[in-house]
Amino acid sequence: MTARPVDIAPAGPVRFPDSGLGRGWESSAVIVLTAFLLVFGLVSLYNASSILAMEQELADTYYVLRQGTGVVIGVVVMFGCACLPYSVWSRLSWPLLLISIGSLVLLILPWTESIAPSINGSRRWLRIGITVQPSEFAKIAIVVWTAGMAVKKVSQFRSLRRGLAPFLVVWALLVLPIALEPDFSTALLISLLGLLIVFSAGARISHFAFLGLLLAPIVYWQLVGVGFRA
């Protein structure tokens, strides 16, 4: 008698939670960790700024309260974004990416200095009625876009050409303009964010080792350059 094959695949399509506010321990851990970092940051700010505030004849909590306003706004925005269904973020991934790339390109064009002036030798800010830093939006864009695409291409991550390579091409469109501002630390951070997501999605370690060999000379050159400039 031959053994009957057992089908262990899910009976229906895999469903994700409707929003980022799940009931598992992961959501609770993120909230607790975020709260700890916020409180730690405010306490550190008070210790560092209270004397300065009193020397300026201000309340010792002046800078903490001003920063606290931003904390409250940030927490409200965080929970608002977490309540959005994943399908919304999936639809927003490409628009966020394209807007980020477009705004970053504006920073490095030679004829856009009127809206992207050089400050301390670097063009990082756009003045379009309000002052914005496109690289901050790029951090959000790379997380949203990479996560959305990783879900769709998870079965292809074993292949460098079909799995990781397309991500590298798109990431370069974000990282290169930032590096040309120049802002190498942010360019490195955005690269690490993308790599962390695809690694979590199942990309092969050997591919990361190959990338490390390619990028090591660039990182070394940058570290040495920063040391000499300092």
Protein backbone atom coordinates (compact mmCIF):
# COMPACT_ATOMS: atom_id res chain seq x y z
CA MET A 1 0.00 0.00 0.00
CA THR A 2 1.43 3.39 -1.01
CA ALA A 3 1.32 6.37 1.30
CA ARG A 4 -1.18 9.05 0.39
CA PRO A 5 0.41 12.50 0.03
CA VAL A 6 -0.65 14.99 2.65
CA ASP A 7 -1.57 18.50 1.57
CA ILE A 8 -0.36 20.96 4.21
CA ALA A 9 -1.07 24.11 2.18
CA PRO A 10 -3.67 26.52 3.57
CA ALA A 11 -7.20 25.82 2.41
CA GLY A 12 -7.71 29.42 1.36
CA PRO A 13 -5.71 32.57 0.71
CA VAL A 14 -3.43 33.77 3.49
CA ARG A 15 -4.98 36.74 5.29
CA PHE A 16 -3.08 39.44 7.07
CA PRO A 17 -4.51 41.56 9.89
CA ASP A 18 -6.60 44.46 8.63
CA SER A 19 -4.21 46.96 10.21
CA GLY A 20 -0.90 47.20 12.00
CA LEU A 21 -2.56 47.14 15.42
CA GLY A 22 -2.58 43.38 15.83
CA ARG A 23 -3.30 41.47 19.02
CA GLY A 24 -0.02 39.58 19.17
CA TRP A 25 2.93 40.30 21.41
CA GLU A 26 4.77 41.99 18.54
CA SER A 27 2.45 45.01 18.52
CA SER A 28 2.65 45.33 22.30
CA ALA A 29 6.44 45.09 22.18
CA VAL A 30 6.67 47.86 19.58
CA ILE A 31 4.40 50.13 21.62
CA VAL A 32 6.30 49.51 24.87
CA LEU A 33 9.69 50.01 23.20
CA THR A 34 8.53 53.21 21.49
CA ALA A 35 7.16 54.58 24.77
CA PHE A 36 10.42 53.76 26.56
CA LEU A 37 12.51 55.53 23.93
CA LEU A 38 10.25 58.60 23.99
CA VAL A 39 10.39 58.90 27.77
CA PHE A 40 14.15 58.28 27.81
CA GLY A 41 14.64 60.94 25.16
CA LEU A 42 12.55 63.53 27.00
CA VAL A 43 14.35 62.87 30.30
CA SER A 44 17.73 63.16 28.56
CA LEU A 45 16.63 66.38 26.90
CA TYR A 46 15.56 67.83 30.24
CA ASN A 47 18.89 66.98 31.83
CA ALA A 48 20.75 68.58 28.93
CA SER A 49 18.59 71.69 28.46
CA SER A 50 17.18 72.74 31.84
CA ILE A 51 20.21 74.82 32.85
CA LEU A 52 20.41 76.40 29.39
CA ALA A 53 16.72 77.33 29.57
CA MET A 54 17.15 78.99 32.97
CA GLU A 55 20.20 80.90 31.72
CA GLN A 56 17.93 82.26 28.97
CA GLU A 57 15.38 83.25 31.65
CA LEU A 58 12.97 80.54 30.51
CA ALA A 59 11.24 77.81 32.47
CA ASP A 60 13.51 74.82 33.04
CA THR A 61 10.99 72.65 31.18
CA TYR A 62 10.73 74.97 28.15
CA TYR A 63 12.61 72.79 25.67
CA VAL A 64 11.08 69.58 27.00
CA LEU A 65 7.55 70.92 26.61
CA ARG A 66 8.31 72.15 23.11
CA GLN A 67 9.69 68.75 22.17
CA GLY A 68 6.78 67.09 23.94
CA THR A 69 4.40 68.79 21.53
CA GLY A 70 6.16 67.05 18.67
CA VAL A 71 6.04 63.77 20.57
CA VAL A 72 2.26 64.01 20.99
CA ILE A 73 1.80 64.78 17.30
CA GLY A 74 4.11 61.92 16.36
CA VAL A 75 2.26 59.42 18.56
CA VAL A 76 -1.10 60.44 17.09
CA VAL A 77 0.27 60.07 13.55
CA MET A 78 1.83 56.70 14.45
CA PHE A 79 -1.44 55.23 15.68
CA GLY A 80 -3.31 56.77 12.75
CA CYS A 81 -0.94 55.11 10.29
CA ALA A 82 -1.11 51.82 12.19
CA CYS A 83 -4.90 51.82 11.93
CA LEU A 84 -4.79 51.97 8.13
CA PRO A 85 -5.41 48.62 6.42
CA TYR A 86 -2.42 47.02 4.73
CA SER A 87 -4.21 47.31 1.40
CA VAL A 88 -4.02 51.11 1.70
CA TRP A 89 -0.26 51.01 2.21
CA SER A 90 0.06 48.63 -0.72
CA ARG A 91 -1.71 51.12 -2.99
CA LEU A 92 0.39 53.99 -1.64
CA SER A 93 3.75 52.24 -2.06
CA TRP A 94 4.45 53.26 -5.66
CA PRO A 95 3.17 56.87 -5.32
CA LEU A 96 5.30 57.33 -2.19
CA LEU A 97 8.33 55.92 -3.97
CA LEU A 98 7.93 58.07 -7.08
CA ILE A 99 7.29 61.26 -5.09
CA SER A 100 10.37 60.58 -2.98
CA ILE A 101 12.57 59.96 -6.02
CA GLY A 102 11.27 63.09 -7.75
CA SER A 103 11.85 65.32 -4.74
CA LEU A 104 15.35 63.91 -4.21
CA VAL A 105 16.27 64.55 -7.84
CA LEU A 106 15.17 68.18 -7.44
CA LEU A 107 17.83 68.59 -4.77
CA ILE A 108 20.75 67.77 -7.05
CA LEU A 109 19.73 69.55 -10.26
CA PRO A 110 21.95 72.57 -10.95
CA TRP A 111 19.02 74.85 -11.88
CA THR A 112 16.95 74.23 -8.73
CA GLU A 113 19.15 76.08 -6.23
CA SER A 114 16.41 78.66 -5.69
CA ILE A 115 14.25 76.01 -3.99
CA ALA A 116 17.09 73.72 -2.88
CA PRO A 117 19.88 75.98 -1.59
CA SER A 118 23.21 74.68 -0.42
CA ILE A 119 23.56 74.87 3.37
CA ASN A 120 26.98 74.05 4.84
CA GLY A 121 27.97 72.48 1.54
CA SER A 122 24.97 70.16 1.27
CA ARG A 123 21.60 70.46 -0.47
CA ARG A 124 19.16 68.55 1.72
CA TRP A 125 16.14 70.83 2.03
CA LEU A 126 13.37 71.87 -0.35
CA ARG A 127 11.75 75.27 0.16
CA ILE A 128 8.35 75.09 -1.51
CA GLY A 129 6.31 77.36 0.71
CA ILE A 130 7.29 75.07 3.55
CA THR A 131 10.71 73.59 4.20
CA VAL A 132 10.89 69.80 3.85
CA GLN A 133 13.68 67.25 3.86
CA PRO A 134 12.94 64.67 1.12
CA SER A 135 15.31 62.09 2.59
CA GLU A 136 12.97 61.74 5.60
CA PHE A 137 10.11 60.80 3.28
CA ALA A 138 12.48 58.44 1.47
CA LYS A 139 12.89 56.46 4.71
CA ILE A 140 9.14 55.88 4.80
CA ALA A 141 8.94 55.17 1.09
CA ILE A 142 11.63 52.49 1.09
CA VAL A 143 10.02 50.65 4.01
CA VAL A 144 6.50 50.73 2.54
CA TRP A 145 7.55 49.89 -1.02
CA THR A 146 10.09 47.19 -0.10
CA ALA A 147 7.70 45.46 2.29
CA GLY A 148 4.90 45.48 -0.28
CA MET A 149 7.09 44.11 -3.05
CA ALA A 150 8.73 41.54 -0.78
CA VAL A 151 5.33 39.97 -0.14
CA LYS A 152 4.76 39.63 -3.89
CA LYS A 153 8.25 38.33 -4.74
CA VAL A 154 8.97 36.18 -1.69
CA SER A 155 9.08 33.00 -3.80
CA GLN A 156 11.82 34.50 -6.02
CA PHE A 157 14.29 35.55 -3.32
CA ARG A 158 16.43 32.47 -3.87
CA SER A 159 17.47 33.99 -7.20
CA LEU A 160 19.74 37.04 -7.20
CA ARG A 161 18.66 38.16 -10.68
CA ARG A 162 14.89 37.82 -10.21
CA GLY A 163 14.74 38.32 -6.46
CA LEU A 164 17.19 40.82 -4.99
CA ALA A 165 18.50 42.59 -8.11
CA PRO A 166 15.23 44.45 -8.95
CA PHE A 167 15.17 45.82 -5.41
CA LEU A 168 18.76 47.03 -5.74
CA VAL A 169 17.92 48.94 -8.92
CA VAL A 170 14.99 50.76 -7.31
CA TRP A 171 16.90 51.43 -4.09
CA ALA A 172 19.68 53.02 -6.13
CA LEU A 173 17.19 55.60 -7.42
CA LEU A 174 16.71 56.70 -3.80
CA VAL A 175 20.21 56.24 -2.44
CA LEU A 176 22.25 57.87 -5.21
CA PRO A 177 20.55 61.30 -5.09
CA ILE A 178 20.92 61.31 -1.30
CA ALA A 179 24.61 60.43 -1.59
CA LEU A 180 25.06 63.26 -4.10
CA GLU A 181 23.56 65.88 -1.76
CA PRO A 182 25.86 64.72 -0.05
CA ASP A 183 24.35 62.86 2.92
CA PHE A 184 26.15 59.53 3.13
CA SER A 185 24.87 58.57 6.58
CA THR A 186 21.24 58.79 5.45
CA ALA A 187 22.06 56.95 2.23
CA LEU A 188 23.60 54.14 4.28
CA LEU A 189 20.65 54.07 6.68
CA ILE A 190 18.12 53.78 3.84
CA SER A 191 20.15 50.99 2.27
CA LEU A 192 20.21 49.10 5.56
CA LEU A 193 16.45 49.52 5.99
CA GLY A 194 15.80 47.94 2.61
CA LEU A 195 18.29 45.12 3.16
CA LEU A 196 16.83 44.33 6.57
CA ILE A 197 13.34 43.95 5.11
CA VAL A 198 14.37 41.63 2.27
CA PHE A 199 16.56 39.62 4.65
CA SER A 200 13.53 39.13 6.89
CA ALA A 201 11.55 38.10 3.81
CA GLY A 202 13.98 35.27 3.05
CA ALA A 203 16.78 36.62 0.84
CA ARG A 204 19.86 34.38 0.81
CA ILE A 205 22.77 35.21 3.09
CA SER A 206 25.21 34.49 0.26
CA HIS A 207 23.67 37.37 -1.70
CA PHE A 208 24.31 39.71 1.22
CA ALA A 209 27.90 38.51 1.44
CA PHE A 210 28.35 39.29 -2.25
CA LEU A 211 26.89 42.77 -1.77
CA GLY A 212 29.12 43.30 1.24
CA LEU A 213 32.22 42.63 -0.84
CA LEU A 214 31.04 45.13 -3.44
CA LEU A 215 30.14 47.85 -0.95
CA ALA A 216 33.02 47.44 1.49
CA PRO A 217 35.46 49.64 -0.52
CA ILE A 218 32.83 52.40 -0.80
CA VAL A 219 32.04 52.32 2.91
CA TYR A 220 35.75 52.28 3.80
CA TRP A 221 36.44 55.22 1.50
CA GLN A 222 33.60 57.16 3.07
CA LEU A 223 34.73 56.45 6.63
CA VAL A 224 38.29 57.48 5.83
CA GLY A 225 37.02 60.58 4.03
CA VAL A 226 34.88 61.59 6.99
CA GLY A 227 37.84 61.10 9.28
CA PHE A 228 40.06 63.38 7.20
CA ARG A 229 37.31 66.02 6.85
CA ALA A 230 36.84 66.02 10.63
